[in-house]
Amino acid sequence: MDEIERRLTTCFAGVFPDVPVAELRRLSQASNASWDSITAITLVAVLEEEFGFELDFEALPELDSFERVLNYVRGQVER
């Protein structure tokens, strides 16, 4: 696990405290009923604070899993 993934895991753990850390990498909207629109906005706020960039809200519908969020964050951080 690299630094970006470690930090992202910490973000997800804060937003989804009921999900065991070992399961966070497999988390998706389809697999977790608590990942609703309010949770998505909370996740955006946490990510923006942690990584220091503004998330493009048009990309939000695509960011429906840990893996997709990880890929998006990598693209933003590695610019």
PDB file of N, CA and C in Angstrom:
ATOM      1  N   MET A   1       0.855  -1.173   0.000  1.00  0.00           N
ATOM      2  CA  MET A   1       0.000   0.000   0.000  1.00  0.00           C
ATOM      3  C   MET A   1       0.903   1.238   0.000  1.00  0.00           C
ATOM      4  N   ASP A   2       0.696   2.100  -0.982  1.00  0.00           N
ATOM      5  CA  ASP A   2       1.501   3.317  -1.051  1.00  0.00           C
ATOM      6  C   ASP A   2       0.876   4.420  -0.194  1.00  0.00           C
ATOM      7  N   GLU A   3       1.518   5.576  -0.164  1.00  0.00           N
ATOM      8  CA  GLU A   3       1.088   6.686   0.688  1.00  0.00           C
ATOM      9  C   GLU A   3      -0.302   7.196   0.318  1.00  0.00           C
ATOM     10  N   ILE A   4      -0.585   7.326  -0.960  1.00  0.00           N
ATOM     11  CA  ILE A   4      -1.910   7.812  -1.387  1.00  0.00           C
ATOM     12  C   ILE A   4      -2.993   6.835  -0.950  1.00  0.00           C
ATOM     13  N   GLU A   5      -2.765   5.566  -1.161  1.00  0.00           N
ATOM     14  CA  GLU A   5      -3.752   4.557  -0.780  1.00  0.00           C
ATOM     15  C   GLU A   5      -3.937   4.511   0.736  1.00  0.00           C
ATOM     16  N   ARG A   6      -2.858   4.660   1.480  1.00  0.00           N
ATOM     17  CA  ARG A   6      -2.941   4.673   2.942  1.00  0.00           C
ATOM     18  C   ARG A   6      -3.785   5.858   3.410  1.00  0.00           C
ATOM     19  N   ARG A   7      -3.526   7.027   2.858  1.00  0.00           N
ATOM     20  CA  ARG A   7      -4.281   8.223   3.232  1.00  0.00           C
ATOM     21  C   ARG A   7      -5.750   8.089   2.832  1.00  0.00           C
ATOM     22  N   LEU A   8      -5.998   7.535   1.658  1.00  0.00           N
ATOM     23  CA  LEU A   8      -7.373   7.342   1.203  1.00  0.00           C
ATOM     24  C   LEU A   8      -8.109   6.350   2.110  1.00  0.00           C
ATOM     25  N   THR A   9      -7.430   5.305   2.514  1.00  0.00           N
ATOM     26  CA  THR A   9      -8.027   4.328   3.431  1.00  0.00           C
ATOM     27  C   THR A   9      -8.427   5.003   4.735  1.00  0.00           C
ATOM     28  N   THR A  10      -7.587   5.897   5.224  1.00  0.00           N
ATOM     29  CA  THR A  10      -7.903   6.647   6.437  1.00  0.00           C
ATOM     30  C   THR A  10      -9.144   7.516   6.231  1.00  0.00           C
ATOM     31  N   CYS A  11      -9.239   8.152   5.072  1.00  0.00           N
ATOM     32  CA  CYS A  11     -10.423   8.963   4.750  1.00  0.00           C
ATOM     33  C   CYS A  11     -11.677   8.104   4.744  1.00  0.00           C
ATOM     34  N   PHE A  12     -11.622   6.976   4.066  1.00  0.00           N
ATOM     35  CA  PHE A  12     -12.777   6.080   3.986  1.00  0.00           C
ATOM     36  C   PHE A  12     -13.147   5.551   5.369  1.00  0.00           C
ATOM     37  N   ALA A  13     -12.152   5.242   6.180  1.00  0.00           N
ATOM     38  CA  ALA A  13     -12.421   4.732   7.530  1.00  0.00           C
ATOM     39  C   ALA A  13     -13.159   5.777   8.365  1.00  0.00           C
ATOM     40  N   GLY A  14     -12.851   7.049   8.170  1.00  0.00           N
ATOM     41  CA  GLY A  14     -13.546   8.108   8.889  1.00  0.00           C
ATOM     42  C   GLY A  14     -14.974   8.306   8.432  1.00  0.00           C
ATOM     43  N   VAL A  15     -15.207   8.138   7.136  1.00  0.00           N
ATOM     44  CA  VAL A  15     -16.547   8.337   6.573  1.00  0.00           C
ATOM     45  C   VAL A  15     -17.421   7.090   6.748  1.00  0.00           C
ATOM     46  N   PHE A  16     -16.785   5.921   6.748  1.00  0.00           N
ATOM     47  CA  PHE A  16     -17.503   4.648   6.900  1.00  0.00           C
ATOM     48  C   PHE A  16     -16.977   3.908   8.132  1.00  0.00           C
ATOM     49  N   PRO A  17     -17.257   4.422   9.328  1.00  0.00           N
ATOM     50  CA  PRO A  17     -16.672   3.828  10.539  1.00  0.00           C
ATOM     51  C   PRO A  17     -17.161   2.413  10.851  1.00  0.00           C
ATOM     52  N   ASP A  18     -18.298   2.014  10.288  1.00  0.00           N
ATOM     53  CA  ASP A  18     -18.833   0.681  10.550  1.00  0.00           C
ATOM     54  C   ASP A  18     -18.247  -0.395   9.639  1.00  0.00           C
ATOM     55  N   VAL A  19     -17.446   0.006   8.654  1.00  0.00           N
ATOM     56  CA  VAL A  19     -16.849  -0.953   7.728  1.00  0.00           C
ATOM     57  C   VAL A  19     -15.453  -1.314   8.238  1.00  0.00           C
ATOM     58  N   PRO A  20     -15.189  -2.608   8.417  1.00  0.00           N
ATOM     59  CA  PRO A  20     -13.846  -3.010   8.860  1.00  0.00           C
ATOM     60  C   PRO A  20     -12.784  -2.529   7.870  1.00  0.00           C
ATOM     61  N   VAL A  21     -11.650  -2.091   8.381  1.00  0.00           N
ATOM     62  CA  VAL A  21     -10.575  -1.553   7.542  1.00  0.00           C
ATOM     63  C   VAL A  21     -10.190  -2.544   6.443  1.00  0.00           C
ATOM     64  N   ALA A  22     -10.184  -3.816   6.753  1.00  0.00           N
ATOM     65  CA  ALA A  22      -9.800  -4.840   5.769  1.00  0.00           C
ATOM     66  C   ALA A  22     -10.761  -4.889   4.578  1.00  0.00           C
ATOM     67  N   GLU A  23     -11.966  -4.369   4.748  1.00  0.00           N
ATOM     68  CA  GLU A  23     -12.967  -4.408   3.674  1.00  0.00           C
ATOM     69  C   GLU A  23     -13.090  -3.096   2.899  1.00  0.00           C
ATOM     70  N   LEU A  24     -12.409  -2.057   3.331  1.00  0.00           N
ATOM     71  CA  LEU A  24     -12.568  -0.749   2.700  1.00  0.00           C
ATOM     72  C   LEU A  24     -12.169  -0.746   1.235  1.00  0.00           C
ATOM     73  N   ARG A  25     -11.136  -1.481   0.851  1.00  0.00           N
ATOM     74  CA  ARG A  25     -10.684  -1.486  -0.551  1.00  0.00           C
ATOM     75  C   ARG A  25     -11.722  -2.092  -1.489  1.00  0.00           C
ATOM     76  N   ARG A  26     -12.637  -2.875  -0.970  1.00  0.00           N
ATOM     77  CA  ARG A  26     -13.682  -3.501  -1.798  1.00  0.00           C
ATOM     78  C   ARG A  26     -15.005  -2.733  -1.726  1.00  0.00           C
ATOM     79  N   LEU A  27     -15.009  -1.634  -0.995  1.00  0.00           N
ATOM     80  CA  LEU A  27     -16.237  -0.877  -0.772  1.00  0.00           C
ATOM     81  C   LEU A  27     -16.723  -0.200  -2.054  1.00  0.00           C
ATOM     82  N   SER A  28     -18.039  -0.234  -2.245  1.00  0.00           N
ATOM     83  CA  SER A  28     -18.656   0.468  -3.371  1.00  0.00           C
ATOM     84  C   SER A  28     -20.067   0.884  -2.976  1.00  0.00           C
ATOM     85  N   GLN A  29     -20.645   1.766  -3.762  1.00  0.00           N
ATOM     86  CA  GLN A  29     -22.029   2.165  -3.497  1.00  0.00           C
ATOM     87  C   GLN A  29     -22.950   0.960  -3.610  1.00  0.00           C
ATOM     88  N   ALA A  30     -22.660   0.084  -4.537  1.00  0.00           N
ATOM     89  CA  ALA A  30     -23.508  -1.092  -4.744  1.00  0.00           C
ATOM     90  C   ALA A  30     -23.442  -2.056  -3.561  1.00  0.00           C
ATOM     91  N   SER A  31     -22.320  -2.095  -2.863  1.00  0.00           N
ATOM     92  CA  SER A  31     -22.151  -3.065  -1.777  1.00  0.00           C
ATOM     93  C   SER A  31     -22.456  -2.491  -0.399  1.00  0.00           C
ATOM     94  N   ASN A  32     -22.693  -1.173  -0.311  1.00  0.00           N
ATOM     95  CA  ASN A  32     -22.893  -0.558   0.997  1.00  0.00           C
ATOM     96  C   ASN A  32     -24.047   0.441   0.929  1.00  0.00           C
ATOM     97  N   ALA A  33     -25.149   0.086   1.560  1.00  0.00           N
ATOM     98  CA  ALA A  33     -26.351   0.924   1.515  1.00  0.00           C
ATOM     99  C   ALA A  33     -26.156   2.287   2.176  1.00  0.00           C
ATOM    100  N   SER A  34     -25.177   2.406   3.061  1.00  0.00           N
ATOM    101  CA  SER A  34     -24.969   3.694   3.733  1.00  0.00           C
ATOM    102  C   SER A  34     -24.227   4.703   2.851  1.00  0.00           C
ATOM    103  N   TRP A  35     -23.742   4.257   1.680  1.00  0.00           N
ATOM    104  CA  TRP A  35     -23.059   5.169   0.744  1.00  0.00           C
ATOM    105  C   TRP A  35     -24.131   5.855  -0.096  1.00  0.00           C
ATOM    106  N   ASP A  36     -24.740   6.859   0.479  1.00  0.00           N
ATOM    107  CA  ASP A  36     -25.788   7.616  -0.205  1.00  0.00           C
ATOM    108  C   ASP A  36     -25.254   8.982  -0.609  1.00  0.00           C
ATOM    109  N   SER A  37     -26.128   9.873  -1.038  1.00  0.00           N
ATOM    110  CA  SER A  37     -25.676  11.179  -1.525  1.00  0.00           C
ATOM    111  C   SER A  37     -25.041  12.023  -0.417  1.00  0.00           C
ATOM    112  N   ILE A  38     -25.571  11.932   0.777  1.00  0.00           N
ATOM    113  CA  ILE A  38     -24.999  12.691   1.903  1.00  0.00           C
ATOM    114  C   ILE A  38     -23.603  12.156   2.227  1.00  0.00           C
ATOM    115  N   THR A  39     -23.461  10.860   2.235  1.00  0.00           N
ATOM    116  CA  THR A  39     -22.157  10.249   2.500  1.00  0.00           C
ATOM    117  C   THR A  39     -21.165  10.608   1.399  1.00  0.00           C
ATOM    118  N   ALA A  40     -21.627  10.650   0.170  1.00  0.00           N
ATOM    119  CA  ALA A  40     -20.742  11.005  -0.949  1.00  0.00           C
ATOM    120  C   ALA A  40     -20.215  12.432  -0.793  1.00  0.00           C
ATOM    121  N   ILE A  41     -21.066  13.353  -0.382  1.00  0.00           N
ATOM    122  CA  ILE A  41     -20.639  14.741  -0.173  1.00  0.00           C
ATOM    123  C   ILE A  41     -19.670  14.825   1.005  1.00  0.00           C
ATOM    124  N   THR A  42     -19.935  14.067   2.046  1.00  0.00           N
ATOM    125  CA  THR A  42     -19.017  14.017   3.183  1.00  0.00           C
ATOM    126  C   THR A  42     -17.661  13.494   2.748  1.00  0.00           C
ATOM    127  N   LEU A  43     -17.657  12.449   1.939  1.00  0.00           N
ATOM    128  CA  LEU A  43     -16.410  11.879   1.433  1.00  0.00           C
ATOM    129  C   LEU A  43     -15.654  12.914   0.602  1.00  0.00           C
ATOM    130  N   VAL A  44     -16.354  13.653  -0.231  1.00  0.00           N
ATOM    131  CA  VAL A  44     -15.725  14.702  -1.040  1.00  0.00           C
ATOM    132  C   VAL A  44     -15.024  15.715  -0.137  1.00  0.00           C
ATOM    133  N   ALA A  45     -15.720  16.169   0.893  1.00  0.00           N
ATOM    134  CA  ALA A  45     -15.136  17.158   1.810  1.00  0.00           C
ATOM    135  C   ALA A  45     -13.884  16.616   2.486  1.00  0.00           C
ATOM    136  N   VAL A  46     -13.935  15.371   2.907  1.00  0.00           N
ATOM    137  CA  VAL A  46     -12.774  14.745   3.566  1.00  0.00           C
ATOM    138  C   VAL A  46     -11.615  14.620   2.585  1.00  0.00           C
ATOM    139  N   LEU A  47     -11.901  14.208   1.358  1.00  0.00           N
ATOM    140  CA  LEU A  47     -10.847  14.053   0.344  1.00  0.00           C
ATOM    141  C   LEU A  47     -10.213  15.399   0.003  1.00  0.00           C
ATOM    142  N   GLU A  48     -11.034  16.421  -0.163  1.00  0.00           N
ATOM    143  CA  GLU A  48     -10.496  17.746  -0.486  1.00  0.00           C
ATOM    144  C   GLU A  48      -9.593  18.254   0.627  1.00  0.00           C
ATOM    145  N   GLU A  49      -9.989  18.022   1.853  1.00  0.00           N
ATOM    146  CA  GLU A  49      -9.176  18.446   2.999  1.00  0.00           C
ATOM    147  C   GLU A  49      -7.868  17.659   3.066  1.00  0.00           C
ATOM    148  N   GLU A  50      -7.957  16.361   2.906  1.00  0.00           N
ATOM    149  CA  GLU A  50      -6.775  15.503   3.025  1.00  0.00           C
ATOM    150  C   GLU A  50      -5.768  15.719   1.899  1.00  0.00           C
ATOM    151  N   PHE A  51      -6.271  15.844   0.669  1.00  0.00           N
ATOM    152  CA  PHE A  51      -5.361  15.867  -0.481  1.00  0.00           C
ATOM    153  C   PHE A  51      -5.144  17.264  -1.057  1.00  0.00           C
ATOM    154  N   GLY A  52      -5.903  18.246  -0.607  1.00  0.00           N
ATOM    155  CA  GLY A  52      -5.655  19.623  -1.001  1.00  0.00           C
ATOM    156  C   GLY A  52      -6.028  19.981  -2.428  1.00  0.00           C
ATOM    157  N   PHE A  53      -7.079  19.387  -2.951  1.00  0.00           N
ATOM    158  CA  PHE A  53      -7.582  19.763  -4.275  1.00  0.00           C
ATOM    159  C   PHE A  53      -9.099  19.804  -4.233  1.00  0.00           C
ATOM    160  N   GLU A  54      -9.695  20.520  -5.193  1.00  0.00           N
ATOM    161  CA  GLU A  54     -11.147  20.550  -5.309  1.00  0.00           C
ATOM    162  C   GLU A  54     -11.590  19.467  -6.272  1.00  0.00           C
ATOM    163  N   LEU A  55     -12.510  18.665  -5.819  1.00  0.00           N
ATOM    164  CA  LEU A  55     -13.027  17.583  -6.633  1.00  0.00           C
ATOM    165  C   LEU A  55     -14.023  18.128  -7.642  1.00  0.00           C
ATOM    166  N   ASP A  56     -13.952  17.667  -8.864  1.00  0.00           N
ATOM    167  CA  ASP A  56     -14.883  18.043  -9.912  1.00  0.00           C
ATOM    168  C   ASP A  56     -16.209  17.323  -9.655  1.00  0.00           C
ATOM    169  N   PHE A  57     -17.245  18.081  -9.293  1.00  0.00           N
ATOM    170  CA  PHE A  57     -18.522  17.455  -8.946  1.00  0.00           C
ATOM    171  C   PHE A  57     -19.157  16.714 -10.120  1.00  0.00           C
ATOM    172  N   GLU A  58     -18.774  17.040 -11.339  1.00  0.00           N
ATOM    173  CA  GLU A  58     -19.288  16.294 -12.491  1.00  0.00           C
ATOM    174  C   GLU A  58     -18.730  14.871 -12.514  1.00  0.00           C
ATOM    175  N   ALA A  59     -17.590  14.662 -11.863  1.00  0.00           N
ATOM    176  CA  ALA A  59     -16.988  13.329 -11.795  1.00  0.00           C
ATOM    177  C   ALA A  59     -17.605  12.481 -10.692  1.00  0.00           C
ATOM    178  N   LEU A  60     -18.342  13.103  -9.789  1.00  0.00           N
ATOM    179  CA  LEU A  60     -18.871  12.408  -8.615  1.00  0.00           C
ATOM    180  C   LEU A  60     -19.670  11.139  -8.939  1.00  0.00           C
ATOM    181  N   PRO A  61     -20.556  11.129  -9.927  1.00  0.00           N
ATOM    182  CA  PRO A  61     -21.293   9.894 -10.215  1.00  0.00           C
ATOM    183  C   PRO A  61     -20.381   8.717 -10.596  1.00  0.00           C
ATOM    184  N   GLU A  62     -19.224   9.009 -11.157  1.00  0.00           N
ATOM    185  CA  GLU A  62     -18.283   7.962 -11.557  1.00  0.00           C
ATOM    186  C   GLU A  62     -17.513   7.400 -10.365  1.00  0.00           C
ATOM    187  N   LEU A  63     -17.460   8.157  -9.284  1.00  0.00           N
ATOM    188  CA  LEU A  63     -16.651   7.780  -8.124  1.00  0.00           C
ATOM    189  C   LEU A  63     -17.496   6.965  -7.155  1.00  0.00           C
ATOM    190  N   ASP A  64     -17.815   5.749  -7.570  1.00  0.00           N
ATOM    191  CA  ASP A  64     -18.750   4.920  -6.819  1.00  0.00           C
ATOM    192  C   ASP A  64     -18.122   3.703  -6.154  1.00  0.00           C
ATOM    193  N   SER A  65     -16.786   3.715  -6.053  1.00  0.00           N
ATOM    194  CA  SER A  65     -16.099   2.627  -5.364  1.00  0.00           C
ATOM    195  C   SER A  65     -14.749   3.131  -4.862  1.00  0.00           C
ATOM    196  N   PHE A  66     -14.199   2.417  -3.905  1.00  0.00           N
ATOM    197  CA  PHE A  66     -12.877   2.782  -3.387  1.00  0.00           C
ATOM    198  C   PHE A  66     -11.872   2.820  -4.532  1.00  0.00           C
ATOM    199  N   GLU A  67     -11.910   1.822  -5.374  1.00  0.00           N
ATOM    200  CA  GLU A  67     -10.933   1.721  -6.472  1.00  0.00           C
ATOM    201  C   GLU A  67     -11.047   2.906  -7.433  1.00  0.00           C
ATOM    202  N   ARG A  68     -12.249   3.286  -7.776  1.00  0.00           N
ATOM    203  CA  ARG A  68     -12.434   4.429  -8.684  1.00  0.00           C
ATOM    204  C   ARG A  68     -12.013   5.737  -8.026  1.00  0.00           C
ATOM    205  N   VAL A  69     -12.304   5.882  -6.742  1.00  0.00           N
ATOM    206  CA  VAL A  69     -11.867   7.077  -6.025  1.00  0.00           C
ATOM    207  C   VAL A  69     -10.340   7.100  -5.959  1.00  0.00           C
ATOM    208  N   LEU A  70      -9.733   5.965  -5.692  1.00  0.00           N
ATOM    209  CA  LEU A  70      -8.272   5.878  -5.648  1.00  0.00           C
ATOM    210  C   LEU A  70      -7.667   6.310  -6.980  1.00  0.00           C
ATOM    211  N   ASN A  71      -8.189   5.817  -8.073  1.00  0.00           N
ATOM    212  CA  ASN A  71      -7.673   6.194  -9.393  1.00  0.00           C
ATOM    213  C   ASN A  71      -7.841   7.691  -9.646  1.00  0.00           C
ATOM    214  N   TYR A  72      -8.975   8.255  -9.248  1.00  0.00           N
ATOM    215  CA  TYR A  72      -9.221   9.683  -9.423  1.00  0.00           C
ATOM    216  C   TYR A  72      -8.233  10.497  -8.587  1.00  0.00           C
ATOM    217  N   VAL A  73      -8.083  10.134  -7.329  1.00  0.00           N
ATOM    218  CA  VAL A  73      -7.180  10.861  -6.447  1.00  0.00           C
ATOM    219  C   VAL A  73      -5.749  10.792  -6.972  1.00  0.00           C
ATOM    220  N   ARG A  74      -5.324   9.625  -7.407  1.00  0.00           N
ATOM    221  CA  ARG A  74      -3.970   9.485  -7.980  1.00  0.00           C
ATOM    222  C   ARG A  74      -3.797  10.462  -9.149  1.00  0.00           C
ATOM    223  N   GLY A  75      -4.795  10.527 -10.020  1.00  0.00           N
ATOM    224  CA  GLY A  75      -4.717  11.431 -11.162  1.00  0.00           C
ATOM    225  C   GLY A  75      -4.611  12.885 -10.752  1.00  0.00           C
ATOM    226  N   GLN A  76      -5.285  13.260  -9.677  1.00  0.00           N
ATOM    227  CA  GLN A  76      -5.240  14.637  -9.197  1.00  0.00           C
ATOM    228  C   GLN A  76      -3.928  14.954  -8.496  1.00  0.00           C
ATOM    229  N   VAL A  77      -3.462  14.040  -7.691  1.00  0.00           N
ATOM    230  CA  VAL A  77      -2.246  14.268  -6.889  1.00  0.00           C
ATOM    231  C   VAL A  77      -1.000  14.204  -7.751  1.00  0.00           C
ATOM    232  N   GLU A  78      -0.997  13.341  -8.752  1.00  0.00           N
ATOM    233  CA  GLU A  78       0.205  13.128  -9.551  1.00  0.00           C
ATOM    234  C   GLU A  78       0.311  14.080 -10.747  1.00  0.00           C
ATOM    235  N   ARG A  79      -0.523  15.109 -10.782  1.00  0.00           N
ATOM    236  CA  ARG A  79      -0.477  16.111 -11.861  1.00  0.00           C
ATOM    237  C   ARG A  79       0.782  16.920 -11.780  1.00  0.00           C
TER     238      ARG A  79
END
